[in-house]
Amino acid sequence: MKYCPLCRENLKTSLIDGQSRLNCPAESCHYVFWENPTPVVAAIVELDGKIILVQSKSWGTKMFGLVSGFLEKGETPDKAILREVKEELGLDGKIRSFIGYYSFFKMNQLILVFHIEAWGEIVVGQELAAIKYIPPEKLRPWSAGTGPAVKDWLENRNS
């Protein structure tokens, strides 16, 4: 970001609240680019006792993960994740549990993760390159992004 979205002045970097932040130097403006994390929803989708992992077309060819997406204006996280499951997999679903929230600093995101029980016939959405079905006992968490949520879900699913 180079210009103030309010008055179009060139932004500068200043120390604000102990951090370097872009802000507008115009005395009448007071705009600060806070760069707050973006909320993202993700789901451990369970269909017929197996977990569905997805491969986005924008990811590497060996990378699979959870169904995920951004909230839309005026949308609650629970509505957003059910919409994402429908868009990406063509499945209807019911939220079984909220697993937790996870900071993904690399992408400046706050991920809200749910366990979804799904039903219907899979219709792979335009954003996906592939899917795979994994029995829960063979599911292995990964270190970043939604991986810690998978770890938490696996540890708590039988308790």
Protein backbone atom coordinates (compact mmCIF):
# COMPACT_ATOMS: atom_id res chain seq x y z
CA MET A 1 0.00 0.00 0.00
CA LYS A 2 1.48 3.30 -1.08
CA TYR A 3 -1.30 5.89 -0.81
CA CYS A 4 -3.84 6.76 1.85
CA PRO A 5 -7.23 5.28 0.87
CA LEU A 6 -8.99 8.27 2.45
CA CYS A 7 -7.11 11.32 1.16
CA ARG A 8 -4.59 9.86 -1.36
CA GLU A 9 -1.56 11.31 0.41
CA ASN A 10 1.68 9.24 0.23
CA LEU A 11 1.82 6.98 3.28
CA LYS A 12 4.83 7.03 5.59
CA THR A 13 6.08 4.63 8.23
CA SER A 14 5.89 5.71 11.87
CA LEU A 15 6.17 4.08 15.25
CA ILE A 16 2.57 3.67 16.51
CA ASP A 17 1.70 1.61 19.59
CA GLY A 18 5.25 0.28 19.64
CA GLN A 19 5.23 -1.00 16.04
CA SER A 20 6.23 0.40 12.68
CA ARG A 21 3.01 1.06 10.78
CA LEU A 22 2.07 2.78 7.55
CA ASN A 23 0.05 5.92 8.18
CA CYS A 24 -1.07 9.12 6.56
CA PRO A 25 1.05 12.18 7.35
CA ALA A 26 -1.81 14.63 6.63
CA GLU A 27 -2.77 16.35 9.88
CA SER A 28 -6.46 16.24 9.01
CA CYS A 29 -6.54 12.52 8.11
CA HIS A 30 -5.18 10.24 10.90
CA TYR A 31 -5.40 7.05 8.77
CA VAL A 32 -3.32 4.09 10.03
CA PHE A 33 -2.93 0.82 8.10
CA TRP A 34 -3.26 -1.61 11.02
CA GLU A 35 -2.77 -4.76 8.90
CA ASN A 36 -5.07 -6.80 11.11
CA PRO A 37 -5.26 -10.56 10.51
CA THR A 38 -7.83 -11.83 8.04
CA PRO A 39 -10.42 -14.26 9.45
CA VAL A 40 -10.52 -17.60 7.65
CA VAL A 41 -12.75 -20.62 8.25
CA ALA A 42 -11.64 -24.23 7.77
CA ALA A 43 -13.26 -27.62 8.22
CA ILE A 44 -12.33 -31.16 8.98
CA VAL A 45 -14.99 -32.63 6.70
CA GLU A 46 -16.12 -36.12 7.62
CA LEU A 47 -18.08 -38.13 5.04
CA ASP A 48 -19.02 -41.76 5.66
CA GLY A 49 -16.46 -42.04 8.46
CA LYS A 50 -13.54 -40.71 6.40
CA ILE A 51 -11.91 -37.29 6.30
CA ILE A 52 -11.78 -35.40 3.01
CA LEU A 53 -8.58 -33.51 2.28
CA VAL A 54 -8.48 -31.11 -0.65
CA GLN A 55 -5.80 -29.84 -2.99
CA SER A 56 -6.33 -26.28 -4.17
CA LYS A 57 -5.26 -25.41 -7.70
CA SER A 58 -3.17 -22.60 -6.19
CA TRP A 59 -1.15 -24.96 -3.92
CA GLY A 60 1.74 -27.22 -4.76
CA THR A 61 0.95 -30.57 -6.38
CA LYS A 62 1.74 -32.58 -3.24
CA MET A 63 -0.05 -30.33 -0.75
CA PHE A 64 -3.44 -31.37 0.60
CA GLY A 65 -5.31 -29.67 3.43
CA LEU A 66 -8.68 -28.78 4.85
CA VAL A 67 -11.54 -27.08 3.08
CA SER A 68 -11.05 -23.40 3.88
CA GLY A 69 -12.06 -19.95 2.79
CA PHE A 70 -12.72 -16.35 3.71
CA LEU A 71 -15.80 -14.94 5.37
CA GLU A 72 -17.99 -12.81 3.16
CA LYS A 73 -19.50 -9.51 4.25
CA GLY A 74 -22.31 -10.03 6.78
CA GLU A 75 -21.56 -13.75 7.14
CA THR A 76 -21.02 -15.61 10.41
CA PRO A 77 -18.17 -18.16 10.65
CA ASP A 78 -20.59 -21.10 10.94
CA LYS A 79 -22.52 -20.04 7.82
CA ALA A 80 -19.23 -19.38 5.99
CA ILE A 81 -17.79 -22.85 6.58
CA LEU A 82 -20.99 -24.60 5.52
CA ARG A 83 -20.98 -22.44 2.36
CA GLU A 84 -17.33 -23.33 1.67
CA VAL A 85 -18.03 -27.07 2.05
CA LYS A 86 -20.93 -26.73 -0.40
CA GLU A 87 -18.89 -24.66 -2.89
CA GLU A 88 -15.76 -26.81 -2.82
CA LEU A 89 -17.26 -30.29 -2.44
CA GLY A 90 -20.96 -29.96 -3.32
CA LEU A 91 -21.83 -31.43 0.09
CA ASP A 92 -24.35 -30.39 2.69
CA GLY A 93 -23.16 -30.53 6.25
CA LYS A 94 -23.75 -29.99 9.91
CA ILE A 95 -21.29 -28.51 12.36
CA ARG A 96 -20.39 -31.16 14.93
CA SER A 97 -17.97 -29.01 16.91
CA PHE A 98 -15.83 -25.91 16.92
CA ILE A 99 -12.26 -27.17 17.20
CA GLY A 100 -10.59 -23.84 17.92
CA TYR A 101 -8.88 -20.76 16.55
CA TYR A 102 -5.33 -20.81 15.23
CA SER A 103 -2.98 -17.99 14.30
CA PHE A 104 -1.28 -18.44 10.93
CA PHE A 105 1.27 -15.65 11.08
CA LYS A 106 2.88 -16.43 7.69
CA MET A 107 -0.37 -15.47 5.91
CA ASN A 108 -1.55 -12.96 8.56
CA GLN A 109 -4.68 -15.04 9.19
CA LEU A 110 -6.77 -16.14 12.13
CA ILE A 111 -8.22 -19.55 11.24
CA LEU A 112 -11.48 -20.72 12.85
CA VAL A 113 -11.69 -24.50 12.49
CA PHE A 114 -14.81 -26.68 12.64
CA HIS A 115 -15.57 -30.39 12.45
CA ILE A 116 -18.29 -30.90 9.84
CA GLU A 117 -20.33 -34.05 9.28
CA ALA A 118 -21.22 -34.02 5.59
CA TRP A 119 -23.58 -35.92 3.32
CA GLY A 120 -24.41 -36.07 -0.35
CA GLU A 121 -22.44 -36.77 -3.49
CA ILE A 122 -19.14 -35.00 -3.99
CA VAL A 123 -18.96 -32.50 -6.84
CA VAL A 124 -15.45 -31.05 -6.91
CA GLY A 125 -15.52 -27.23 -7.13
CA GLN A 126 -13.59 -25.03 -9.54
CA GLU A 127 -10.92 -24.10 -6.97
CA LEU A 128 -9.81 -27.71 -6.38
CA ALA A 129 -7.31 -29.84 -8.28
CA ALA A 130 -7.96 -33.07 -6.32
CA ILE A 131 -9.38 -34.61 -3.15
CA LYS A 132 -8.52 -37.64 -1.04
CA TYR A 133 -10.35 -39.68 1.57
CA ILE A 134 -8.39 -40.54 4.68
CA PRO A 135 -9.54 -42.79 7.52
CA PRO A 136 -9.17 -40.74 10.74
CA GLU A 137 -6.65 -43.22 12.16
CA LYS A 138 -4.35 -42.58 9.16
CA LEU A 139 -4.70 -38.80 9.23
CA ARG A 140 -1.44 -37.07 10.21
CA PRO A 141 -1.29 -33.41 11.21
CA TRP A 142 1.10 -31.00 9.51
CA SER A 143 3.06 -28.26 11.24
CA ALA A 144 1.51 -25.02 9.93
CA GLY A 145 -1.81 -23.46 8.99
CA THR A 146 -4.64 -25.86 9.83
CA GLY A 147 -2.32 -28.69 10.88
CA PRO A 148 -2.44 -27.85 14.61
CA ALA A 149 -6.26 -28.03 14.45
CA VAL A 150 -6.04 -31.51 12.93
CA LYS A 151 -3.73 -32.50 15.79
CA ASP A 152 -6.16 -31.14 18.40
CA TRP A 153 -9.13 -32.85 16.74
CA LEU A 154 -7.35 -36.20 16.59
CA GLU A 155 -6.32 -35.95 20.26
CA ASN A 156 -9.83 -35.03 21.43
CA ARG A 157 -12.14 -36.99 19.12
CA ASN A 158 -12.38 -40.08 21.30
CA SER A 159 -12.50 -38.34 24.64
